[in-house]
Amino acid sequence: MNLARSGDRNAFAELVRRHQSAVRNLMRRFSRDHSLADDLAQQTFLKVWTSIRSLKEAKAFSGWLKKIAVSVWLQHLRKNDALNFGDELTDDTWSVRETPGLAMDLDEALTTLPEQVRLCLVLAYQEGMSHGEISAATELALGTVKSHIKRGSDRLKTLLSAYRDKEHNESKEKSS
């Protein structure tokens, strides 16, 4: 880490190698587009390269990297969304696309959520960030973050209830 902060390209390349998969996966969850996710991950690491000297403590790297990735994602949204997060949580937003069925997985369920809700859920559950950390990283009010996580979690439970029902039925069959 210290070598990368001092400008050593090989050390920085090693940091990228170690963290690129996590950043790409995070961007894929945000964007639902593999090609865009790869581009945004690359932008994230370019920003890291130009800013790494500002990182005070090496142990803070992972959190710092996540914050930069979120910032890159939000910049992308702002640049490409004329309404700037104009999606509201309405009944239409929450409508189920058909019957989710057993084949629907978490990634597919996440695609049905508005971008801000998906962002908060991914940061909370995949990245393990606290509500306060998400609020700071996304510049959303703490109450908004909590609301998005609650509504999004409730929606995912509904969409993925087929999995719970299947597990319940399988456990009944085993105990019979």
N, C-alpha and C. Protein backbone atom coordinates (compact mmCIF):
# COMPACT_ATOMS: atom_id res chain seq x y z
N MET A 1 0.82 -1.19 0.00
CA MET A 1 0.00 0.00 0.00
C MET A 1 0.87 1.25 0.00
N ASN A 2 1.87 1.28 0.86
CA ASN A 2 2.74 2.45 0.93
C ASN A 2 3.47 2.69 -0.38
N LEU A 3 3.87 1.60 -1.04
CA LEU A 3 4.54 1.75 -2.34
C LEU A 3 3.57 2.34 -3.36
N ALA A 4 2.33 1.88 -3.35
CA ALA A 4 1.34 2.41 -4.29
C ALA A 4 1.10 3.89 -4.02
N ARG A 5 1.05 4.26 -2.74
CA ARG A 5 0.84 5.68 -2.40
C ARG A 5 2.02 6.54 -2.83
N SER A 6 3.18 5.95 -2.91
CA SER A 6 4.34 6.72 -3.34
C SER A 6 4.50 6.75 -4.86
N GLY A 7 3.57 6.12 -5.58
CA GLY A 7 3.59 6.18 -7.04
C GLY A 7 4.12 4.94 -7.73
N ASP A 8 4.40 3.87 -7.00
CA ASP A 8 4.90 2.64 -7.59
C ASP A 8 3.79 1.97 -8.40
N ARG A 9 3.98 1.92 -9.72
CA ARG A 9 2.94 1.38 -10.60
C ARG A 9 2.72 -0.11 -10.38
N ASN A 10 3.76 -0.86 -10.11
CA ASN A 10 3.61 -2.30 -9.88
C ASN A 10 2.81 -2.57 -8.61
N ALA A 11 3.06 -1.79 -7.58
CA ALA A 11 2.32 -1.94 -6.33
C ALA A 11 0.85 -1.58 -6.55
N PHE A 12 0.61 -0.54 -7.32
CA PHE A 12 -0.77 -0.15 -7.61
C PHE A 12 -1.45 -1.23 -8.45
N ALA A 13 -0.74 -1.79 -9.41
CA ALA A 13 -1.31 -2.86 -10.24
C ALA A 13 -1.72 -4.05 -9.37
N GLU A 14 -0.94 -4.32 -8.34
CA GLU A 14 -1.29 -5.40 -7.41
C GLU A 14 -2.56 -5.06 -6.62
N LEU A 15 -2.70 -3.82 -6.20
CA LEU A 15 -3.93 -3.40 -5.52
C LEU A 15 -5.14 -3.57 -6.44
N VAL A 16 -4.98 -3.18 -7.68
CA VAL A 16 -6.07 -3.33 -8.65
C VAL A 16 -6.40 -4.81 -8.81
N ARG A 17 -5.39 -5.63 -8.96
CA ARG A 17 -5.61 -7.07 -9.13
C ARG A 17 -6.39 -7.64 -7.95
N ARG A 18 -6.06 -7.22 -6.75
CA ARG A 18 -6.71 -7.74 -5.55
C ARG A 18 -8.15 -7.25 -5.38
N HIS A 19 -8.44 -6.06 -5.86
CA HIS A 19 -9.74 -5.44 -5.58
C HIS A 19 -10.65 -5.29 -6.79
N GLN A 20 -10.15 -5.57 -8.00
CA GLN A 20 -10.95 -5.30 -9.18
C GLN A 20 -12.23 -6.14 -9.24
N SER A 21 -12.17 -7.37 -8.83
CA SER A 21 -13.35 -8.23 -8.87
C SER A 21 -14.46 -7.67 -7.97
N ALA A 22 -14.10 -7.25 -6.78
CA ALA A 22 -15.10 -6.70 -5.86
C ALA A 22 -15.72 -5.41 -6.41
N VAL A 23 -14.89 -4.55 -7.00
CA VAL A 23 -15.41 -3.29 -7.55
C VAL A 23 -16.29 -3.58 -8.76
N ARG A 24 -15.88 -4.48 -9.62
CA ARG A 24 -16.71 -4.83 -10.78
C ARG A 24 -18.05 -5.42 -10.35
N ASN A 25 -18.02 -6.31 -9.37
CA ASN A 25 -19.27 -6.91 -8.89
C ASN A 25 -20.19 -5.86 -8.27
N LEU A 26 -19.63 -4.94 -7.54
CA LEU A 26 -20.42 -3.85 -6.96
C LEU A 26 -21.07 -3.03 -8.07
N MET A 27 -20.30 -2.67 -9.08
CA MET A 27 -20.83 -1.89 -10.20
C MET A 27 -21.86 -2.68 -10.99
N ARG A 28 -21.68 -3.99 -11.09
CA ARG A 28 -22.67 -4.81 -11.80
C ARG A 28 -23.99 -4.83 -11.05
N ARG A 29 -23.92 -4.89 -9.74
CA ARG A 29 -25.16 -4.84 -8.95
C ARG A 29 -25.84 -3.49 -9.10
N PHE A 30 -25.05 -2.43 -9.13
CA PHE A 30 -25.63 -1.10 -9.28
C PHE A 30 -26.24 -0.92 -10.67
N SER A 31 -25.49 -1.31 -11.70
CA SER A 31 -25.86 -0.94 -13.07
C SER A 31 -26.68 -1.99 -13.81
N ARG A 32 -26.55 -3.25 -13.44
CA ARG A 32 -27.20 -4.37 -14.15
C ARG A 32 -26.67 -4.51 -15.57
N ASP A 33 -25.49 -3.98 -15.84
CA ASP A 33 -24.92 -4.00 -17.19
C ASP A 33 -23.43 -4.30 -17.05
N HIS A 34 -23.02 -5.48 -17.51
CA HIS A 34 -21.63 -5.91 -17.33
C HIS A 34 -20.63 -4.98 -18.01
N SER A 35 -20.92 -4.55 -19.21
CA SER A 35 -20.00 -3.67 -19.92
C SER A 35 -19.87 -2.32 -19.22
N LEU A 36 -20.99 -1.75 -18.84
CA LEU A 36 -20.96 -0.48 -18.10
C LEU A 36 -20.24 -0.66 -16.78
N ALA A 37 -20.48 -1.76 -16.10
CA ALA A 37 -19.83 -2.02 -14.82
C ALA A 37 -18.31 -2.06 -14.97
N ASP A 38 -17.85 -2.69 -16.03
CA ASP A 38 -16.40 -2.74 -16.27
C ASP A 38 -15.84 -1.34 -16.52
N ASP A 39 -16.57 -0.54 -17.30
CA ASP A 39 -16.13 0.84 -17.55
C ASP A 39 -16.09 1.66 -16.26
N LEU A 40 -17.12 1.52 -15.44
CA LEU A 40 -17.18 2.27 -14.18
C LEU A 40 -16.11 1.79 -13.20
N ALA A 41 -15.83 0.50 -13.21
CA ALA A 41 -14.74 -0.01 -12.35
C ALA A 41 -13.41 0.59 -12.79
N GLN A 42 -13.22 0.67 -14.09
CA GLN A 42 -11.98 1.28 -14.60
C GLN A 42 -11.90 2.75 -14.19
N GLN A 43 -13.01 3.47 -14.30
CA GLN A 43 -13.03 4.87 -13.85
C GLN A 43 -12.71 4.98 -12.37
N THR A 44 -13.23 4.03 -11.60
CA THR A 44 -12.96 4.02 -10.16
C THR A 44 -11.47 3.89 -9.90
N PHE A 45 -10.82 2.97 -10.57
CA PHE A 45 -9.39 2.77 -10.33
C PHE A 45 -8.55 3.93 -10.87
N LEU A 46 -9.00 4.58 -11.91
CA LEU A 46 -8.31 5.79 -12.37
C LEU A 46 -8.38 6.89 -11.31
N LYS A 47 -9.56 7.01 -10.71
CA LYS A 47 -9.73 8.00 -9.65
C LYS A 47 -8.88 7.63 -8.43
N VAL A 48 -8.83 6.35 -8.12
CA VAL A 48 -7.99 5.88 -7.01
C VAL A 48 -6.53 6.22 -7.28
N TRP A 49 -6.06 5.96 -8.50
CA TRP A 49 -4.67 6.24 -8.86
C TRP A 49 -4.34 7.72 -8.68
N THR A 50 -5.24 8.59 -9.11
CA THR A 50 -4.96 10.03 -9.01
C THR A 50 -5.13 10.57 -7.60
N SER A 51 -5.80 9.81 -6.74
CA SER A 51 -6.09 10.30 -5.39
C SER A 51 -5.38 9.54 -4.28
N ILE A 52 -4.67 8.49 -4.61
CA ILE A 52 -4.17 7.58 -3.57
C ILE A 52 -3.22 8.26 -2.58
N ARG A 53 -2.56 9.27 -3.01
CA ARG A 53 -1.65 9.97 -2.08
C ARG A 53 -2.40 10.67 -0.95
N SER A 54 -3.70 10.93 -1.16
CA SER A 54 -4.48 11.59 -0.12
C SER A 54 -4.94 10.62 0.97
N LEU A 55 -4.81 9.32 0.71
CA LEU A 55 -5.20 8.32 1.71
C LEU A 55 -4.20 8.33 2.85
N LYS A 56 -4.69 8.62 4.04
CA LYS A 56 -3.80 8.77 5.20
C LYS A 56 -3.35 7.43 5.77
N GLU A 57 -4.28 6.49 5.93
CA GLU A 57 -3.96 5.22 6.56
C GLU A 57 -4.24 4.06 5.61
N ALA A 58 -3.27 3.18 5.48
CA ALA A 58 -3.41 2.04 4.57
C ALA A 58 -4.58 1.14 4.96
N LYS A 59 -4.86 1.02 6.25
CA LYS A 59 -5.94 0.13 6.68
C LYS A 59 -7.32 0.65 6.29
N ALA A 60 -7.42 1.90 5.91
CA ALA A 60 -8.69 2.49 5.49
C ALA A 60 -8.95 2.30 4.00
N PHE A 61 -8.06 1.60 3.30
CA PHE A 61 -8.15 1.51 1.84
C PHE A 61 -9.48 0.94 1.35
N SER A 62 -9.93 -0.17 1.92
CA SER A 62 -11.15 -0.81 1.42
C SER A 62 -12.36 0.11 1.51
N GLY A 63 -12.54 0.76 2.64
CA GLY A 63 -13.65 1.69 2.80
C GLY A 63 -13.52 2.89 1.87
N TRP A 64 -12.31 3.37 1.73
CA TRP A 64 -12.02 4.51 0.85
C TRP A 64 -12.33 4.13 -0.60
N LEU A 65 -11.95 2.92 -1.00
CA LEU A 65 -12.21 2.43 -2.34
C LEU A 65 -13.72 2.34 -2.60
N LYS A 66 -14.48 1.81 -1.63
CA LYS A 66 -15.94 1.73 -1.78
C LYS A 66 -16.54 3.11 -1.95
N LYS A 67 -16.06 4.04 -1.17
CA LYS A 67 -16.61 5.40 -1.25
C LYS A 67 -16.34 6.00 -2.64
N ILE A 68 -15.17 5.76 -3.18
CA ILE A 68 -14.85 6.25 -4.53
C ILE A 68 -15.75 5.55 -5.55
N ALA A 69 -15.94 4.24 -5.41
CA ALA A 69 -16.80 3.51 -6.34
C ALA A 69 -18.23 4.06 -6.31
N VAL A 70 -18.74 4.32 -5.13
CA VAL A 70 -20.09 4.89 -5.00
C VAL A 70 -20.13 6.26 -5.66
N SER A 71 -19.10 7.04 -5.44
CA SER A 71 -19.02 8.37 -6.04
C SER A 71 -19.02 8.30 -7.56
N VAL A 72 -18.27 7.37 -8.11
CA VAL A 72 -18.23 7.18 -9.57
C VAL A 72 -19.62 6.78 -10.08
N TRP A 73 -20.29 5.88 -9.36
CA TRP A 73 -21.63 5.46 -9.76
C TRP A 73 -22.60 6.64 -9.73
N LEU A 74 -22.56 7.41 -8.64
CA LEU A 74 -23.48 8.55 -8.53
C LEU A 74 -23.19 9.61 -9.60
N GLN A 75 -21.92 9.82 -9.92
CA GLN A 75 -21.59 10.75 -11.00
C GLN A 75 -22.16 10.26 -12.33
N HIS A 76 -22.07 8.96 -12.55
CA HIS A 76 -22.64 8.38 -13.77
C HIS A 76 -24.15 8.62 -13.81
N LEU A 77 -24.82 8.38 -12.69
CA LEU A 77 -26.27 8.59 -12.65
C LEU A 77 -26.64 10.05 -12.91
N ARG A 78 -25.93 10.93 -12.25
CA ARG A 78 -26.23 12.36 -12.41
C ARG A 78 -26.02 12.81 -13.86
N LYS A 79 -24.99 12.29 -14.45
CA LYS A 79 -24.65 12.65 -15.83
C LYS A 79 -25.69 12.10 -16.81
N ASN A 80 -26.26 10.95 -16.51
CA ASN A 80 -27.14 10.27 -17.45
C ASN A 80 -28.62 10.28 -17.07
N ASP A 81 -28.97 10.91 -15.98
CA ASP A 81 -30.37 10.95 -15.55
C ASP A 81 -30.83 12.40 -15.48
N ALA A 82 -31.59 12.80 -16.46
CA ALA A 82 -32.06 14.19 -16.52
C ALA A 82 -32.90 14.56 -15.31
N LEU A 83 -33.56 13.59 -14.70
CA LEU A 83 -34.39 13.87 -13.53
C LEU A 83 -33.61 13.77 -12.23
N ASN A 84 -32.35 13.35 -12.30
CA ASN A 84 -31.49 13.23 -11.12
C ASN A 84 -32.20 12.51 -9.98
N PHE A 85 -32.31 11.22 -10.13
CA PHE A 85 -32.98 10.38 -9.15
C PHE A 85 -34.46 10.71 -9.06
N GLY A 86 -35.10 10.96 -10.17
CA GLY A 86 -36.49 11.34 -10.15
C GLY A 86 -37.45 10.20 -9.89
N ASP A 87 -36.95 8.97 -9.79
CA ASP A 87 -37.88 7.87 -9.57
C ASP A 87 -38.39 7.88 -8.13
N GLU A 88 -39.68 7.86 -8.01
CA GLU A 88 -40.33 7.82 -6.71
C GLU A 88 -40.83 6.41 -6.47
N LEU A 89 -40.98 6.08 -5.23
CA LEU A 89 -41.48 4.76 -4.88
C LEU A 89 -43.01 4.79 -4.94
N THR A 90 -43.54 4.35 -6.05
CA THR A 90 -44.99 4.32 -6.23
C THR A 90 -45.43 2.87 -6.35
N ASP A 91 -46.72 2.67 -6.31
CA ASP A 91 -47.24 1.31 -6.46
C ASP A 91 -46.82 0.72 -7.80
N ASP A 92 -46.77 1.55 -8.86
CA ASP A 92 -46.35 1.06 -10.16
C ASP A 92 -44.91 0.57 -10.14
N THR A 93 -44.06 1.29 -9.41
CA THR A 93 -42.65 0.90 -9.31
C THR A 93 -42.54 -0.49 -8.70
N TRP A 94 -43.42 -0.79 -7.75
CA TRP A 94 -43.30 -2.04 -7.01
C TRP A 94 -44.04 -3.21 -7.66
N SER A 95 -44.70 -2.99 -8.78
CA SER A 95 -45.47 -4.08 -9.36
C SER A 95 -44.57 -5.24 -9.78
N VAL A 96 -45.03 -6.43 -9.55
CA VAL A 96 -44.26 -7.63 -9.90
C VAL A 96 -44.37 -7.84 -11.39
N ARG A 97 -43.27 -8.23 -12.01
CA ARG A 97 -43.21 -8.38 -13.47
C ARG A 97 -43.98 -9.59 -13.94
N GLU A 98 -44.48 -10.39 -13.41
CA GLU A 98 -45.19 -11.63 -13.66
C GLU A 98 -45.02 -12.36 -12.33
N THR A 99 -45.20 -13.62 -12.33
CA THR A 99 -44.92 -14.40 -11.13
C THR A 99 -43.42 -14.62 -11.09
N PRO A 100 -42.77 -14.27 -9.96
CA PRO A 100 -41.31 -14.38 -9.93
C PRO A 100 -40.82 -15.82 -10.12
N GLY A 101 -41.56 -16.79 -9.60
CA GLY A 101 -41.15 -18.17 -9.78
C GLY A 101 -39.88 -18.51 -9.03
N LEU A 102 -39.57 -19.78 -8.99
CA LEU A 102 -38.41 -20.25 -8.25
C LEU A 102 -37.08 -19.88 -8.91
N ALA A 103 -37.11 -19.61 -10.23
CA ALA A 103 -35.87 -19.34 -10.95
C ALA A 103 -35.36 -17.92 -10.74
N MET A 104 -36.17 -17.06 -10.15
CA MET A 104 -35.74 -15.67 -9.99
C MET A 104 -34.71 -15.59 -8.86
N ASP A 105 -33.58 -15.03 -9.12
CA ASP A 105 -32.55 -14.93 -8.11
C ASP A 105 -32.45 -13.49 -7.59
N LEU A 106 -31.58 -13.29 -6.65
CA LEU A 106 -31.45 -11.98 -6.04
C LEU A 106 -31.10 -10.90 -7.04
N ASP A 107 -30.20 -11.16 -7.95
CA ASP A 107 -29.83 -10.13 -8.94
C ASP A 107 -31.02 -9.72 -9.78
N GLU A 108 -31.83 -10.68 -10.18
CA GLU A 108 -33.02 -10.35 -10.96
C GLU A 108 -34.00 -9.55 -10.12
N ALA A 109 -34.17 -9.92 -8.88
CA ALA A 109 -35.08 -9.19 -7.99
C ALA A 109 -34.59 -7.76 -7.79
N LEU A 110 -33.29 -7.59 -7.66
CA LEU A 110 -32.74 -6.24 -7.48
C LEU A 110 -33.03 -5.35 -8.68
N THR A 111 -33.11 -5.94 -9.87
CA THR A 111 -33.34 -5.12 -11.06
C THR A 111 -34.71 -4.48 -11.07
N THR A 112 -35.62 -4.98 -10.25
CA THR A 112 -36.97 -4.41 -10.21
C THR A 112 -37.05 -3.19 -9.30
N LEU A 113 -36.01 -2.92 -8.57
CA LEU A 113 -36.02 -1.81 -7.61
C LEU A 113 -35.51 -0.52 -8.25
N PRO A 114 -36.01 0.62 -7.78
CA PRO A 114 -35.47 1.90 -8.25
C PRO A 114 -33.98 1.99 -7.91
N GLU A 115 -33.25 2.77 -8.69
CA GLU A 115 -31.78 2.82 -8.56
C GLU A 115 -31.31 3.20 -7.16
N GLN A 116 -31.93 4.20 -6.54
CA GLN A 116 -31.49 4.61 -5.20
C GLN A 116 -31.73 3.51 -4.18
N VAL A 117 -32.85 2.83 -4.28
CA VAL A 117 -33.16 1.75 -3.34
C VAL A 117 -32.15 0.63 -3.52
N ARG A 118 -31.89 0.25 -4.77
CA ARG A 118 -30.92 -0.81 -5.07
C ARG A 118 -29.54 -0.42 -4.56
N LEU A 119 -29.15 0.84 -4.76
CA LEU A 119 -27.86 1.32 -4.28
C LEU A 119 -27.75 1.13 -2.77
N CYS A 120 -28.76 1.56 -2.03
CA CYS A 120 -28.72 1.45 -0.57
C CYS A 120 -28.69 -0.01 -0.11
N LEU A 121 -29.48 -0.86 -0.75
CA LEU A 121 -29.49 -2.28 -0.38
C LEU A 121 -28.16 -2.96 -0.65
N VAL A 122 -27.58 -2.71 -1.80
CA VAL A 122 -26.30 -3.33 -2.14
C VAL A 122 -25.22 -2.87 -1.16
N LEU A 123 -25.20 -1.59 -0.86
CA LEU A 123 -24.19 -1.09 0.07
C LEU A 123 -24.40 -1.66 1.48
N ALA A 124 -25.65 -1.81 1.88
CA ALA A 124 -25.92 -2.33 3.22
C ALA A 124 -25.63 -3.82 3.32
N TYR A 125 -26.19 -4.59 2.40
CA TYR A 125 -26.13 -6.04 2.54
C TYR A 125 -24.94 -6.69 1.86
N GLN A 126 -24.53 -6.20 0.71
CA GLN A 126 -23.38 -6.80 0.04
C GLN A 126 -22.08 -6.23 0.57
N GLU A 127 -22.06 -4.93 0.79
CA GLU A 127 -20.82 -4.28 1.21
C GLU A 127 -20.71 -4.12 2.72
N GLY A 128 -21.78 -4.36 3.45
CA GLY A 128 -21.75 -4.31 4.91
C GLY A 128 -21.60 -2.91 5.49
N MET A 129 -22.02 -1.91 4.74
CA MET A 129 -21.90 -0.54 5.22
C MET A 129 -23.07 -0.21 6.16
N SER A 130 -22.80 0.61 7.17
CA SER A 130 -23.85 1.05 8.09
C SER A 130 -24.72 2.09 7.41
N HIS A 131 -25.87 2.36 8.00
CA HIS A 131 -26.76 3.40 7.44
C HIS A 131 -26.04 4.74 7.37
N GLY A 132 -25.29 5.07 8.42
CA GLY A 132 -24.54 6.33 8.43
C GLY A 132 -23.49 6.39 7.34
N GLU A 133 -22.79 5.28 7.13
CA GLU A 133 -21.78 5.24 6.07
C GLU A 133 -22.43 5.39 4.69
N ILE A 134 -23.57 4.76 4.51
CA ILE A 134 -24.28 4.87 3.23
C ILE A 134 -24.74 6.30 3.02
N SER A 135 -25.25 6.91 4.07
CA SER A 135 -25.70 8.31 3.99
C SER A 135 -24.54 9.21 3.59
N ALA A 136 -23.39 9.00 4.21
CA ALA A 136 -22.22 9.82 3.89
C ALA A 136 -21.73 9.58 2.47
N ALA A 137 -21.72 8.32 2.05
CA ALA A 137 -21.20 7.99 0.72
C ALA A 137 -22.12 8.45 -0.40
N THR A 138 -23.42 8.40 -0.16
CA THR A 138 -24.39 8.72 -1.22
C THR A 138 -24.93 10.14 -1.13
N GLU A 139 -24.66 10.79 -0.01
CA GLU A 139 -25.18 12.14 0.26
C GLU A 139 -26.70 12.14 0.33
N LEU A 140 -27.29 11.01 0.72
CA LEU A 140 -28.72 10.92 0.98
C LEU A 140 -28.94 11.12 2.47
N ALA A 141 -30.07 11.69 2.84
CA ALA A 141 -30.39 11.86 4.25
C ALA A 141 -30.47 10.49 4.92
N LEU A 142 -30.08 10.44 6.18
CA LEU A 142 -30.07 9.17 6.92
C LEU A 142 -31.46 8.52 6.92
N GLY A 143 -32.50 9.32 7.12
CA GLY A 143 -33.86 8.79 7.10
C GLY A 143 -34.23 8.20 5.74
N THR A 144 -33.76 8.83 4.68
CA THR A 144 -34.01 8.33 3.32
C THR A 144 -33.32 6.99 3.13
N VAL A 145 -32.08 6.87 3.59
CA VAL A 145 -31.34 5.61 3.49
C VAL A 145 -32.10 4.51 4.22
N LYS A 146 -32.51 4.79 5.45
CA LYS A 146 -33.24 3.79 6.25
C LYS A 146 -34.54 3.39 5.55
N SER A 147 -35.25 4.36 5.02
CA SER A 147 -36.51 4.10 4.32
C SER A 147 -36.28 3.24 3.08
N HIS A 148 -35.26 3.59 2.30
CA HIS A 148 -34.95 2.81 1.09
C HIS A 148 -34.60 1.37 1.45
N ILE A 149 -33.82 1.18 2.50
CA ILE A 149 -33.42 -0.17 2.90
C ILE A 149 -34.63 -0.96 3.39
N LYS A 150 -35.48 -0.34 4.17
CA LYS A 150 -36.68 -1.02 4.68
C LYS A 150 -37.62 -1.38 3.54
N ARG A 151 -37.95 -0.42 2.69
CA ARG A 151 -38.87 -0.69 1.57
C ARG A 151 -38.27 -1.71 0.60
N GLY A 152 -37.00 -1.54 0.30
CA GLY A 152 -36.34 -2.47 -0.63
C GLY A 152 -36.28 -3.88 -0.06
N SER A 153 -35.97 -4.00 1.22
CA SER A 153 -35.91 -5.32 1.86
C SER A 153 -37.28 -5.98 1.85
N ASP A 154 -38.30 -5.20 2.17
CA ASP A 154 -39.67 -5.74 2.15
C ASP A 154 -40.03 -6.22 0.75
N ARG A 155 -39.65 -5.42 -0.25
CA ARG A 155 -39.97 -5.78 -1.63
C ARG A 155 -39.23 -7.05 -2.05
N LEU A 156 -37.96 -7.17 -1.67
CA LEU A 156 -37.20 -8.37 -2.01
C LEU A 156 -37.80 -9.60 -1.33
N LYS A 157 -38.24 -9.45 -0.09
CA LYS A 157 -38.87 -10.58 0.60
C LYS A 157 -40.10 -11.06 -0.16
N THR A 158 -40.87 -10.10 -0.66
CA THR A 158 -42.05 -10.46 -1.44
C THR A 158 -41.65 -11.16 -2.74
N LEU A 159 -40.72 -10.57 -3.45
CA LEU A 159 -40.31 -11.13 -4.73
C LEU A 159 -39.66 -12.51 -4.59
N LEU A 160 -38.94 -12.71 -3.51
CA LEU A 160 -38.20 -13.95 -3.33
C LEU A 160 -38.93 -14.93 -2.42
N SER A 161 -40.19 -14.68 -2.14
CA SER A 161 -40.96 -15.55 -1.24
C SER A 161 -41.04 -16.98 -1.78
N ALA A 162 -40.94 -17.14 -3.08
CA ALA A 162 -40.98 -18.48 -3.66
C ALA A 162 -39.85 -19.34 -3.11
N TYR A 163 -38.70 -18.76 -2.85
CA TYR A 163 -37.59 -19.51 -2.27
C TYR A 163 -37.94 -19.96 -0.86
N ARG A 164 -38.52 -19.06 -0.09
CA ARG A 164 -38.90 -19.39 1.29
C ARG A 164 -39.97 -20.47 1.28
N ASP A 165 -40.94 -20.36 0.38
CA ASP A 165 -41.99 -21.36 0.29
C ASP A 165 -41.42 -22.72 -0.10
N LYS A 166 -40.47 -22.72 -1.02
CA LYS A 166 -39.85 -23.97 -1.46
C LYS A 166 -39.10 -24.63 -0.29
N GLU A 167 -38.33 -23.83 0.48
CA GLU A 167 -37.60 -24.37 1.62
C GLU A 167 -38.57 -24.93 2.66
N HIS A 168 -39.67 -24.23 2.88
CA HIS A 168 -40.66 -24.68 3.85
C HIS A 168 -41.26 -26.02 3.42
N ASN A 169 -41.62 -26.13 2.15
CA ASN A 169 -42.20 -27.37 1.62
C ASN A 169 -41.20 -28.52 1.67
N GLU A 170 -39.93 -28.23 1.36
CA GLU A 170 -38.90 -29.28 1.38
C GLU A 170 -38.66 -29.77 2.80
N SER A 171 -38.66 -28.86 3.77
CA SER A 171 -38.44 -29.28 5.15
C SER A 171 -39.63 -30.10 5.66
N LYS A 172 -40.85 -29.79 5.20
CA LYS A 172 -42.02 -30.59 5.56
C LYS A 172 -41.90 -32.00 5.01
N GLU A 173 -41.44 -32.10 3.75
CA GLU A 173 -41.29 -33.41 3.11
C GLU A 173 -40.25 -34.26 3.82
N LYS A 174 -39.17 -33.63 4.25
CA LYS A 174 -38.10 -34.37 4.94
C LYS A 174 -38.56 -34.88 6.30
N SER A 175 -39.38 -34.10 6.98
CA SER A 175 -39.83 -34.51 8.31
C SER A 175 -40.97 -35.51 8.27
N SER A 176 -41.56 -35.72 7.08
CA SER A 176 -42.67 -36.68 6.95
C SER A 176 -42.18 -38.09 6.85
